[in-house]
Structures are given as structure tokens and as C-alpha cells.
C-alpha atoms as a PDB file:
ATOM      1  CA  MET A   1      -9.469   6.778   2.860  1.00  0.00           C
ATOM      2  CA  GLU A   2      -9.412  10.530   3.357  1.00  0.00           C
ATOM      3  CA  GLU A   3      -5.873   9.756   4.964  1.00  0.00           C
ATOM      4  CA  LEU A   4      -4.780   8.163   1.728  1.00  0.00           C
ATOM      5  CA  ARG A   5      -5.965  11.086  -0.245  1.00  0.00           C
ATOM      6  CA  ARG A   6      -3.623  13.314   1.292  1.00  0.00           C
ATOM      7  CA  GLU A   7      -0.684  11.302   1.612  1.00  0.00           C
ATOM      8  CA  MET A   8      -0.818   9.217  -1.770  1.00  0.00           C
ATOM      9  CA  ASP A   9       1.834  11.132  -3.953  1.00  0.00           C
ATOM     10  CA  ARG A  10       4.187   9.607  -1.151  1.00  0.00           C
ATOM     11  CA  PHE A  11       4.075   6.235  -2.745  1.00  0.00           C
ATOM     12  CA  ASP A  12       4.969   4.438  -5.957  1.00  0.00           C
ATOM     13  CA  ILE A  13       2.411   1.941  -5.436  1.00  0.00           C
ATOM     14  CA  ILE A  14      -0.954   2.024  -3.168  1.00  0.00           C
ATOM     15  CA  HIS A  15      -2.106  -1.502  -2.511  1.00  0.00           C
ATOM     16  CA  CYS A  16      -5.646  -1.711  -1.236  1.00  0.00           C
ATOM     17  CA  HIS A  17      -7.737  -4.048   0.229  1.00  0.00           C
ATOM     18  CA  GLY A  18     -11.242  -3.050  -0.133  1.00  0.00           C
ATOM     19  CA  GLU A  19     -13.413  -3.579  -2.535  1.00  0.00           C
ATOM     20  CA  PHE A  20     -15.356  -0.329  -4.011  1.00  0.00           C
ATOM     21  CA  PHE A  21     -14.820   3.350  -2.955  1.00  0.00           C
ATOM     22  CA  HIS A  22     -10.877   3.594  -3.047  1.00  0.00           C
ATOM     23  CA  ALA A  23     -10.978   3.337  -6.983  1.00  0.00           C
ATOM     24  CA  ALA A  24     -12.709   6.731  -7.231  1.00  0.00           C
ATOM     25  CA  LEU A  25     -10.334   8.190  -5.195  1.00  0.00           C
ATOM     26  CA  LEU A  26      -7.627   7.059  -6.963  1.00  0.00           C
ATOM     27  CA  GLY A  27      -8.017   8.716 -10.247  1.00  0.00           C
ATOM     28  CA  PRO A  28      -5.115   8.451 -12.300  1.00  0.00           C
ATOM     29  CA  ARG A  29      -3.140   6.485  -9.477  1.00  0.00           C
ATOM     30  CA  ARG A  30      -4.776   4.038 -10.369  1.00  0.00           C
ATOM     31  CA  ARG A  31      -2.791   2.175 -12.977  1.00  0.00           C
ATOM     32  CA  HIS A  32      -0.064   2.223 -10.199  1.00  0.00           C
ATOM     33  CA  SER A  33      -2.570   0.160  -7.699  1.00  0.00           C
ATOM     34  CA  VAL A  34      -3.339  -2.700  -7.011  1.00  0.00           C
ATOM     35  CA  THR A  35      -6.744  -4.124  -5.390  1.00  0.00           C
ATOM     36  CA  THR A  36      -7.062  -7.522  -3.655  1.00  0.00           C
ATOM     37  CA  ILE A  37     -10.839  -8.328  -3.232  1.00  0.00           C
ATOM     38  CA  HIS A  38     -11.349 -11.183  -0.651  1.00  0.00           C
ATOM     39  CA  TRP A  39     -14.662 -12.003  -1.763  1.00  0.00           C
ATOM     40  CA  ARG A  40     -16.828 -13.277  -4.608  1.00  0.00           C
ATOM     41  CA  VAL A  41     -16.374 -10.566  -7.738  1.00  0.00           C
ATOM     42  CA  ASP A  42     -19.601 -12.690 -10.651  1.00  0.00           C
ATOM     43  CA  GLN A  43     -22.026 -10.715  -8.993  1.00  0.00           C
ATOM     44  CA  LEU A  44     -23.918  -7.680 -10.470  1.00  0.00           C
ATOM     45  CA  ASP A  45     -22.424  -5.086  -7.840  1.00  0.00           C
ATOM     46  CA  ARG A  46     -18.965  -5.956  -9.087  1.00  0.00           C
ATOM     47  CA  THR A  47     -19.874  -6.055 -12.716  1.00  0.00           C
ATOM     48  CA  LEU A  48     -21.146  -2.516 -12.496  1.00  0.00           C
ATOM     49  CA  PHE A  49     -18.090  -1.729 -10.938  1.00  0.00           C
ATOM     50  CA  PHE A  50     -15.507  -3.228 -12.961  1.00  0.00           C
ATOM     51  CA  ASP A  51     -17.586  -1.930 -15.800  1.00  0.00           C
ATOM     52  CA  ALA A  52     -16.978   1.755 -14.505  1.00  0.00           C
ATOM     53  CA  PHE A  53     -13.327   1.285 -13.717  1.00  0.00           C
ATOM     54  CA  PRO A  54     -11.463  -1.235 -16.216  1.00  0.00           C
ATOM     55  CA  ASP A  55      -7.963   0.422 -15.635  1.00  0.00           C
ATOM     56  CA  LEU A  56      -7.493  -0.541 -12.214  1.00  0.00           C
ATOM     57  CA  PRO A  57      -5.489  -3.748 -11.399  1.00  0.00           C
ATOM     58  CA  VAL A  58      -6.621  -6.791  -9.026  1.00  0.00           C
ATOM     59  CA  ALA A  59      -4.663  -9.449  -8.169  1.00  0.00           C
ATOM     60  CA  ALA A  60      -6.549 -12.103  -7.680  1.00  0.00           C
ATOM     61  CA  ILE A  61      -6.299 -14.388  -5.305  1.00  0.00           C
ATOM     62  CA  SER A  62      -6.800 -17.673  -7.086  1.00  0.00           C
ATOM     63  CA  ARG A  63      -7.047 -18.665 -10.540  1.00  0.00           C
ATOM     64  CA  ALA A  64     -11.003 -19.507 -10.417  1.00  0.00           C
ATOM     65  CA  GLN A  65     -11.687 -15.782  -8.822  1.00  0.00           C
ATOM     66  CA  SER A  66      -9.253 -14.388 -11.750  1.00  0.00           C
ATOM     67  CA  ASP A  67     -12.001 -16.053 -14.340  1.00  0.00           C
ATOM     68  CA  MET A  68     -14.533 -13.885 -12.912  1.00  0.00           C
ATOM     69  CA  LEU A  69     -12.914 -11.023 -13.970  1.00  0.00           C
ATOM     70  CA  PRO A  70     -13.055  -8.557 -17.101  1.00  0.00           C
ATOM     71  CA  ALA A  71      -9.664  -9.284 -18.870  1.00  0.00           C
ATOM     72  CA  ALA A  72      -8.929  -5.589 -18.561  1.00  0.00           C
ATOM     73  CA  ASN A  73      -8.601  -5.547 -14.788  1.00  0.00           C
ATOM     74  CA  ARG A  74      -6.716  -8.880 -14.231  1.00  0.00           C
ATOM     75  CA  ALA A  75      -2.974  -7.856 -13.255  1.00  0.00           C
ATOM     76  CA  GLY A  76      -2.082 -11.194 -12.352  1.00  0.00           C
ATOM     77  CA  ILE A  77      -3.080 -14.395  -9.331  1.00  0.00           C
ATOM     78  CA  VAL A  78      -1.056 -14.107  -5.853  1.00  0.00           C
ATOM     79  CA  HIS A  79      -2.789 -17.222  -3.986  1.00  0.00           C
ATOM     80  CA  HIS A  80      -2.951 -16.408  -0.069  1.00  0.00           C
ATOM     81  CA  GLY A  81       0.272 -17.222   2.105  1.00  0.00           C
ATOM     82  CA  ILE A  82       0.694 -17.603   6.150  1.00  0.00           C
ATOM     83  CA  ASP A  83       3.927 -17.428   8.110  1.00  0.00           C
ATOM     84  CA  ALA A  84       5.935 -20.387   8.188  1.00  0.00           C
ATOM     85  CA  THR A  85       6.102 -20.634  11.731  1.00  0.00           C
ATOM     86  CA  ARG A  86       2.225 -20.244  12.568  1.00  0.00           C
ATOM     87  CA  TYR A  87       1.239 -23.571  12.269  1.00  0.00           C
ATOM     88  CA  ALA A  88       2.984 -26.838  13.445  1.00  0.00           C
ATOM     89  CA  PRO A  89       2.699 -30.607  11.833  1.00  0.00           C
ATOM     90  CA  GLY A  90       0.652 -32.510  13.590  1.00  0.00           C
ATOM     91  CA  ARG A  91       0.181 -36.744  14.054  1.00  0.00           C
ATOM     92  CA  GLY A  92      -3.103 -36.392  13.279  1.00  0.00           C
ATOM     93  CA  ASP A  93      -4.280 -39.373  16.243  1.00  0.00           C
ATOM     94  CA  GLY A  94      -7.164 -37.583  17.405  1.00  0.00           C
ATOM     95  CA  GLY A  95      -9.826 -39.607  16.110  1.00  0.00           C
ATOM     96  CA  TYR A  96     -11.920 -37.146  14.560  1.00  0.00           C
ATOM     97  CA  VAL A  97     -12.364 -35.340  11.371  1.00  0.00           C
ATOM     98  CA  ALA A  98     -12.656 -31.330  11.821  1.00  0.00           C
ATOM     99  CA  PHE A  99     -14.501 -28.723   9.970  1.00  0.00           C
ATOM    100  CA  ILE A 100     -13.462 -25.161  10.516  1.00  0.00           C
ATOM    101  CA  GLY A 101     -15.779 -22.420   8.602  1.00  0.00           C
ATOM    102  CA  ARG A 102     -18.284 -20.186   9.505  1.00  0.00           C
ATOM    103  CA  MET A 103     -21.995 -21.843  10.427  1.00  0.00           C
ATOM    104  CA  THR A 104     -23.560 -21.148   7.139  1.00  0.00           C
ATOM    105  CA  ASP A 105     -24.891 -22.955   3.965  1.00  0.00           C
ATOM    106  CA  GLN A 106     -21.478 -21.755   2.204  1.00  0.00           C
ATOM    107  CA  LYS A 107     -19.328 -23.534   3.792  1.00  0.00           C
ATOM    108  CA  ARG A 108     -22.083 -26.445   4.594  1.00  0.00           C
ATOM    109  CA  PRO A 109     -21.284 -27.926   7.772  1.00  0.00           C
ATOM    110  CA  ASP A 110     -24.422 -29.785   7.616  1.00  0.00           C
ATOM    111  CA  ARG A 111     -22.773 -31.598   4.777  1.00  0.00           C
ATOM    112  CA  ALA A 112     -19.601 -32.325   6.821  1.00  0.00           C
ATOM    113  CA  ILE A 113     -21.449 -34.005   9.709  1.00  0.00           C
ATOM    114  CA  ARG A 114     -23.401 -35.817   7.100  1.00  0.00           C
ATOM    115  CA  VAL A 115     -20.077 -37.236   5.495  1.00  0.00           C
ATOM    116  CA  ALA A 116     -18.100 -37.925   8.478  1.00  0.00           C
ATOM    117  CA  ARG A 117     -21.121 -39.881   9.811  1.00  0.00           C
ATOM    118  CA  ALA A 118     -21.757 -41.864   6.911  1.00  0.00           C
ATOM    119  CA  ALA A 119     -17.941 -42.881   6.521  1.00  0.00           C
ATOM    120  CA  GLY A 120     -18.614 -43.924  10.531  1.00  0.00           C
ATOM    121  CA  ARG A 121     -16.631 -40.730  11.947  1.00  0.00           C
ATOM    122  CA  THR A 122     -16.603 -38.132  14.740  1.00  0.00           C
ATOM    123  CA  ILE A 123     -16.389 -34.866  13.459  1.00  0.00           C
ATOM    124  CA  ARG A 124     -15.140 -32.026  15.482  1.00  0.00           C
ATOM    125  CA  LEU A 125     -16.700 -28.602  14.017  1.00  0.00           C
ATOM    126  CA  ALA A 126     -15.499 -24.914  14.456  1.00  0.00           C
ATOM    127  CA  GLY A 127     -16.381 -21.875  13.784  1.00  0.00           C
ATOM    128  CA  THR A 128     -19.051 -18.617  14.178  1.00  0.00           C
ATOM    129  CA  ILE A 129     -22.447 -18.978  13.634  1.00  0.00           C
ATOM    130  CA  ASP A 130     -23.089 -16.572  11.043  1.00  0.00           C
ATOM    131  CA  VAL A 131     -24.450 -13.269  11.907  1.00  0.00           C
ATOM    132  CA  GLY A 132     -26.219 -12.849   8.625  1.00  0.00           C
ATOM    133  CA  ASN A 133     -27.850 -15.713   8.740  1.00  0.00           C
ATOM    134  CA  PRO A 134     -28.350 -17.340  12.221  1.00  0.00           C
ATOM    135  CA  ARG A 135     -31.930 -19.790  11.115  1.00  0.00           C
ATOM    136  CA  TYR A 136     -29.148 -22.149   9.255  1.00  0.00           C
ATOM    137  CA  PHE A 137     -27.241 -23.364  12.126  1.00  0.00           C
ATOM    138  CA  GLU A 138     -30.233 -23.362  14.062  1.00  0.00           C
ATOM    139  CA  GLU A 139     -32.431 -25.177  11.681  1.00  0.00           C
ATOM    140  CA  GLN A 140     -29.772 -26.833   9.613  1.00  0.00           C
ATOM    141  CA  VAL A 141     -26.809 -27.690  11.917  1.00  0.00           C
ATOM    142  CA  ALA A 142     -27.954 -27.990  15.507  1.00  0.00           C
ATOM    143  CA  PRO A 143     -30.199 -30.691  15.045  1.00  0.00           C
ATOM    144  CA  LEU A 144     -27.696 -32.944  13.469  1.00  0.00           C
ATOM    145  CA  LEU A 145     -25.163 -32.428  16.508  1.00  0.00           C
ATOM    146  CA  GLY A 146     -24.802 -35.168  18.854  1.00  0.00           C
ATOM    147  CA  PRO A 147     -21.853 -37.484  20.342  1.00  0.00           C
ATOM    148  CA  ASP A 148     -19.833 -38.037  16.723  1.00  0.00           C
ATOM    149  CA  ALA A 149     -20.624 -34.254  15.982  1.00  0.00           C
ATOM    150  CA  ILE A 150     -19.390 -31.942  18.209  1.00  0.00           C
ATOM    151  CA  TYR A 151     -19.812 -27.832  18.044  1.00  0.00           C
ATOM    152  CA  GLU A 152     -16.780 -26.678  19.542  1.00  0.00           C
ATOM    153  CA  GLY A 153     -17.540 -23.006  18.793  1.00  0.00           C
ATOM    154  CA  PRO A 154     -15.339 -19.823  17.572  1.00  0.00           C
ATOM    155  CA  LEU A 155     -12.247 -20.908  18.391  1.00  0.00           C
ATOM    156  CA  GLY A 156      -8.666 -18.879  18.652  1.00  0.00           C
ATOM    157  CA  ASP A 157      -5.367 -19.701  16.977  1.00  0.00           C
ATOM    158  CA  ALA A 158      -3.713 -21.689  19.355  1.00  0.00           C
ATOM    159  CA  ALA A 159      -7.013 -23.787  19.696  1.00  0.00           C
ATOM    160  CA  LYS A 160      -7.105 -23.916  16.174  1.00  0.00           C
ATOM    161  CA  GLN A 161      -3.763 -25.065  15.256  1.00  0.00           C
ATOM    162  CA  THR A 162      -4.897 -28.457  18.177  1.00  0.00           C
ATOM    163  CA  LEU A 163      -7.647 -28.965  16.283  1.00  0.00           C
ATOM    164  CA  LEU A 164      -6.205 -29.164  12.943  1.00  0.00           C
ATOM    165  CA  GLN A 165      -2.722 -31.473  14.230  1.00  0.00           C
ATOM    166  CA  ARG A 166      -4.747 -34.129  15.735  1.00  0.00           C
ATOM    167  CA  ALA A 167      -7.770 -34.393  12.912  1.00  0.00           C
ATOM    168  CA  GLU A 168      -7.435 -37.216  10.516  1.00  0.00           C
ATOM    169  CA  ALA A 169      -8.251 -34.542   7.448  1.00  0.00           C
ATOM    170  CA  LEU A 170     -10.490 -31.527   7.251  1.00  0.00           C
ATOM    171  CA  LEU A 171     -13.511 -31.391   4.974  1.00  0.00           C
ATOM    172  CA  PHE A 172     -14.095 -28.667   2.883  1.00  0.00           C
ATOM    173  CA  PRO A 173     -17.447 -29.094   1.843  1.00  0.00           C
ATOM    174  CA  ILE A 174     -18.253 -25.545   0.009  1.00  0.00           C
ATOM    175  CA  ASP A 175     -21.227 -25.244  -1.878  1.00  0.00           C
ATOM    176  CA  TRP A 176     -20.354 -21.446  -3.436  1.00  0.00           C
ATOM    177  CA  PRO A 177     -17.364 -20.141  -5.735  1.00  0.00           C
ATOM    178  CA  GLU A 178     -14.709 -19.895  -2.599  1.00  0.00           C
ATOM    179  CA  PRO A 179     -12.124 -17.304  -3.714  1.00  0.00           C
ATOM    180  CA  PHE A 180      -9.807 -18.918  -1.814  1.00  0.00           C
ATOM    181  CA  GLY A 181     -10.415 -20.758   1.376  1.00  0.00           C
ATOM    182  CA  LEU A 182      -7.287 -20.110   4.020  1.00  0.00           C
ATOM    183  CA  VAL A 183      -8.347 -23.014   6.082  1.00  0.00           C
ATOM    184  CA  MET A 184      -6.939 -25.380   3.575  1.00  0.00           C
ATOM    185  CA  ILE A 185      -3.131 -23.973   3.800  1.00  0.00           C
ATOM    186  CA  GLU A 186      -3.440 -24.028   7.705  1.00  0.00           C
ATOM    187  CA  SER A 187      -5.010 -27.651   7.394  1.00  0.00           C
ATOM    188  CA  MET A 188      -1.963 -28.584   5.117  1.00  0.00           C
ATOM    189  CA  ALA A 189       0.872 -26.542   7.368  1.00  0.00           C
ATOM    190  CA  CYS A 190      -0.249 -28.666  10.316  1.00  0.00           C
ATOM    191  CA  GLY A 191      -0.088 -32.043   7.818  1.00  0.00           C
ATOM    192  CA  THR A 192      -3.602 -32.668   7.354  1.00  0.00           C
ATOM    193  CA  PRO A 193      -5.322 -33.318   4.630  1.00  0.00           C
ATOM    194  CA  VAL A 194      -8.295 -31.389   3.045  1.00  0.00           C
ATOM    195  CA  ILE A 195     -11.043 -33.333   1.182  1.00  0.00           C
ATOM    196  CA  GLY A 196     -12.576 -30.582  -0.516  1.00  0.00           C
ATOM    197  CA  TRP A 197     -15.822 -30.361  -3.197  1.00  0.00           C
ATOM    198  CA  ASN A 198     -14.662 -29.061  -6.367  1.00  0.00           C
ATOM    199  CA  ALA A 199     -16.141 -25.412  -6.656  1.00  0.00           C
ATOM    200  CA  GLY A 200     -13.856 -22.411  -6.225  1.00  0.00           C
ATOM    201  CA  SER A 201      -9.950 -22.461  -5.978  1.00  0.00           C
ATOM    202  CA  VAL A 202     -10.163 -25.378  -4.227  1.00  0.00           C
ATOM    203  CA  PRO A 203      -9.007 -28.037  -7.065  1.00  0.00           C
ATOM    204  CA  GLU A 204      -5.831 -25.167  -7.629  1.00  0.00           C
ATOM    205  CA  VAL A 205      -5.475 -25.248  -3.735  1.00  0.00           C
ATOM    206  CA  VAL A 206      -6.226 -28.696  -3.304  1.00  0.00           C
ATOM    207  CA  GLN A 207      -3.478 -31.096  -4.961  1.00  0.00           C
ATOM    208  CA  ASP A 208      -5.504 -34.007  -5.436  1.00  0.00           C
ATOM    209  CA  GLY A 209      -4.037 -37.466  -4.789  1.00  0.00           C
ATOM    210  CA  VAL A 210      -0.661 -35.349  -2.345  1.00  0.00           C
ATOM    211  CA  THR A 211      -2.356 -32.567  -0.151  1.00  0.00           C
ATOM    212  CA  GLY A 212      -6.004 -34.293   0.064  1.00  0.00           C
ATOM    213  CA  PHE A 213      -8.888 -35.085  -2.233  1.00  0.00           C
ATOM    214  CA  VAL A 214     -11.003 -32.877  -4.997  1.00  0.00           C
ATOM    215  CA  VAL A 215     -14.532 -34.443  -4.796  1.00  0.00           C
ATOM    216  CA  SER A 216     -17.846 -33.555  -6.325  1.00  0.00           C
ATOM    217  CA  SER A 217     -20.742 -35.054  -3.758  1.00  0.00           C
ATOM    218  CA  GLU A 218     -20.727 -36.990  -0.637  1.00  0.00           C
ATOM    219  CA  GLU A 219     -20.546 -40.146  -1.550  1.00  0.00           C
ATOM    220  CA  GLU A 220     -16.978 -39.486  -2.995  1.00  0.00           C
ATOM    221  CA  ALA A 221     -16.099 -37.468   0.196  1.00  0.00           C
ATOM    222  CA  VAL A 222     -17.134 -40.690   2.164  1.00  0.00           C
ATOM    223  CA  ARG A 223     -14.725 -42.964  -0.009  1.00  0.00           C
ATOM    224  CA  ALA A 224     -11.860 -40.176   0.066  1.00  0.00           C
ATOM    225  CA  LEU A 225     -12.454 -39.999   3.896  1.00  0.00           C
ATOM    226  CA  GLY A 226     -11.354 -44.053   3.266  1.00  0.00           C
ATOM    227  CA  ARG A 227      -8.057 -42.976   1.311  1.00  0.00           C
ATOM    228  CA  ILE A 228      -6.891 -40.575   3.402  1.00  0.00           C
ATOM    229  CA  PRO A 229      -4.059 -43.355   5.004  1.00  0.00           C
ATOM    230  CA  GLU A 230      -2.572 -43.030   1.208  1.00  0.00           C
ATOM    231  CA  LEU A 231      -1.498 -39.975   2.243  1.00  0.00           C
ATOM    232  CA  ASP A 232       1.931 -38.827   4.105  1.00  0.00           C
ATOM    233  CA  ARG A 233       1.230 -35.549   6.431  1.00  0.00           C
ATOM    234  CA  ARG A 234       5.296 -34.854   5.437  1.00  0.00           C
ATOM    235  CA  SER A 235       4.785 -34.801   2.057  1.00  0.00           C
ATOM    236  CA  ILE A 236       2.010 -32.634   3.005  1.00  0.00           C
ATOM    237  CA  ARG A 237       3.399 -30.026   5.257  1.00  0.00           C
ATOM    238  CA  ALA A 238       6.311 -29.881   1.876  1.00  0.00           C
ATOM    239  CA  ALA A 239       3.550 -28.734  -0.153  1.00  0.00           C
ATOM    240  CA  PHE A 240       2.511 -26.158   1.864  1.00  0.00           C
ATOM    241  CA  ASP A 241       6.150 -25.242   2.315  1.00  0.00           C
ATOM    242  CA  ALA A 242       6.361 -24.600  -1.048  1.00  0.00           C
ATOM    243  CA  ARG A 243       3.421 -23.106  -2.174  1.00  0.00           C
ATOM    244  CA  PHE A 244       1.437 -21.168   0.536  1.00  0.00           C
ATOM    245  CA  THR A 245       4.318 -19.314   3.281  1.00  0.00           C
ATOM    246  CA  SER A 246       3.401 -15.595   3.267  1.00  0.00           C
ATOM    247  CA  ASP A 247       6.888 -15.051   2.338  1.00  0.00           C
ATOM    248  CA  ARG A 248       6.342 -16.461  -1.284  1.00  0.00           C
ATOM    249  CA  MET A 249       3.254 -14.468  -1.159  1.00  0.00           C
ATOM    250  CA  ALA A 250       4.996 -11.814  -0.843  1.00  0.00           C
ATOM    251  CA  GLU A 251       7.494 -12.450  -3.662  1.00  0.00           C
ATOM    252  CA  ALA A 252       4.960 -12.587  -6.385  1.00  0.00           C
ATOM    253  CA  TYR A 253       3.537  -9.290  -4.801  1.00  0.00           C
ATOM    254  CA  ILE A 254       6.519  -7.787  -5.427  1.00  0.00           C
ATOM    255  CA  ALA A 255       7.420  -8.616  -8.547  1.00  0.00           C
ATOM    256  CA  LEU A 256       3.741  -7.697  -9.178  1.00  0.00           C
ATOM    257  CA  TYR A 257       4.149  -4.221  -8.228  1.00  0.00           C
ATOM    258  CA  ARG A 258       7.292  -3.897 -10.108  1.00  0.00           C
ATOM    259  CA  LYS A 259       5.657  -4.947 -13.381  1.00  0.00           C
ATOM    260  CA  LEU A 260       2.951  -2.405 -12.902  1.00  0.00           C
ATOM    261  CA  LEU A 261       5.714  -0.025 -12.172  1.00  0.00           C
ATOM    262  CA  GLU A 262       7.482  -0.848 -15.480  1.00  0.00           C
ATOM    263  CA  SER A 263       4.547  -0.739 -17.455  1.00  0.00           C
END
């Protein structure tokens, strides 16, 4: 931030991915800045922050996140994107469903295990144990593990790609207002359908009946797993290419920068 303070007059637009203190540093340059927030924005500390800086343009990462922002701060919506060559489509022939995410009560891997087991599927789970809530894994997830519910631990990009390529589907059973959920588009890039809970950004990222299914209960998720053969993995990858590449994201941000400079 000190380096930015010294050099910010060199730039037309300043794009910050922090959450708070940069707003005070920018001063009158706020109107020619963009802030992207990668967390929920509906909690009290965020409310107080936006009350103090109504002139800070925020690019929401989903419509769900934008709806939680004060109208004065809404500069636009830019969905995340990833490089189109980062993941390749797979065949979904691994004989399992997948869960990828932090082992936390926000992501609900316990719910994913119950759904897979009720549907008669094996599930492979990957992700870090949340350092802020390690007892959740110990008490809610570990007791559910077994031959049909295997915890792989944290995975690097190559191993994550293989897990998604071979999965019949990705379970995304969140229990919080997810602002985006990058693993959903990583799954789509592999041609793998997503069964996601109707919360946060899920309904705008997952095209129900095209790239997966949006559900509201474990029972609905079990039924959705039975409908996976209705979906075409090539169409899922095509939807990713149309909506969630890094090129599309960059173009949207550039359009936003130009809009701010013209205002």
C-alpha cells in the first residue's frame, strides 16, 4: 500500500483485491478505482465500511454478491474466469462423484457424503482442513469416511483436474451465501456437471438442466444424481467456454475501466 501511495498518480485505474484499508489511501482517486471482494459482503463490518465509502466502485463477482452491496457502490458484475487451456474435458468414467473445497461447515462435505451414500455412489473428497475450525472435520466429516467416502487431502492443479475429469458429477452442497465458487467453473471446464445448493451465486453459475442441477435439499440432490445421464459433457464444456474463460473476464473488466474513466 505504501508503494501504491507513492506511485498511484502513474495509473489511470487502480484495481484492488483487498477489502478495507485501500479505500482511505486512495482518497479522491476512489472514483477511478475498482475493488473486487472475494468474500461475503453482508456482515456488519462490511456494512460499516461501505457506509463510510459510498464513492468506492465495487465490481461484484456475482449478482448474488451485488445484491448485498449498497446501490452507490455497485459498479458492475464480472464473473470469475479461468484460462481456457487450464483444464481439459474428461469422460466421467471414474465410477465416483467428487467434492472439492475447504473442510468447513460453509462447504458441507458431510452433506456431500450423505448424498452420495444415499444415491449408492462412491465419493472422493479433496480440500484443506479449515485451520479456523479443525474440529468440524474431526467431528462431522471423519466419522463418515469409509470405503465409499475417501478423503484425498489437498490436491494440486493436475490432481484436481484428474479428479474432476473422471467424476460423474461435482457435489457443491454449500451452506452460506457463496459469492462465486471457482470450483464450479473448474468442473464445467472438465465437462463435469455440478449439483449445487440454491444459495449465493449457484443459480447464476449453474444452468439448471444444462451444466448441472440446482437443488435445495439432500433428497433433491439424490434425485439429481439419477438425472446426470440427461446431461451432455460436451455441452457443459461449451457453456464454460462461452461464459467463464479468463479472456471473457478480462474483456468485462476493461469495459468497466473505460466506463469509470468516462464518467
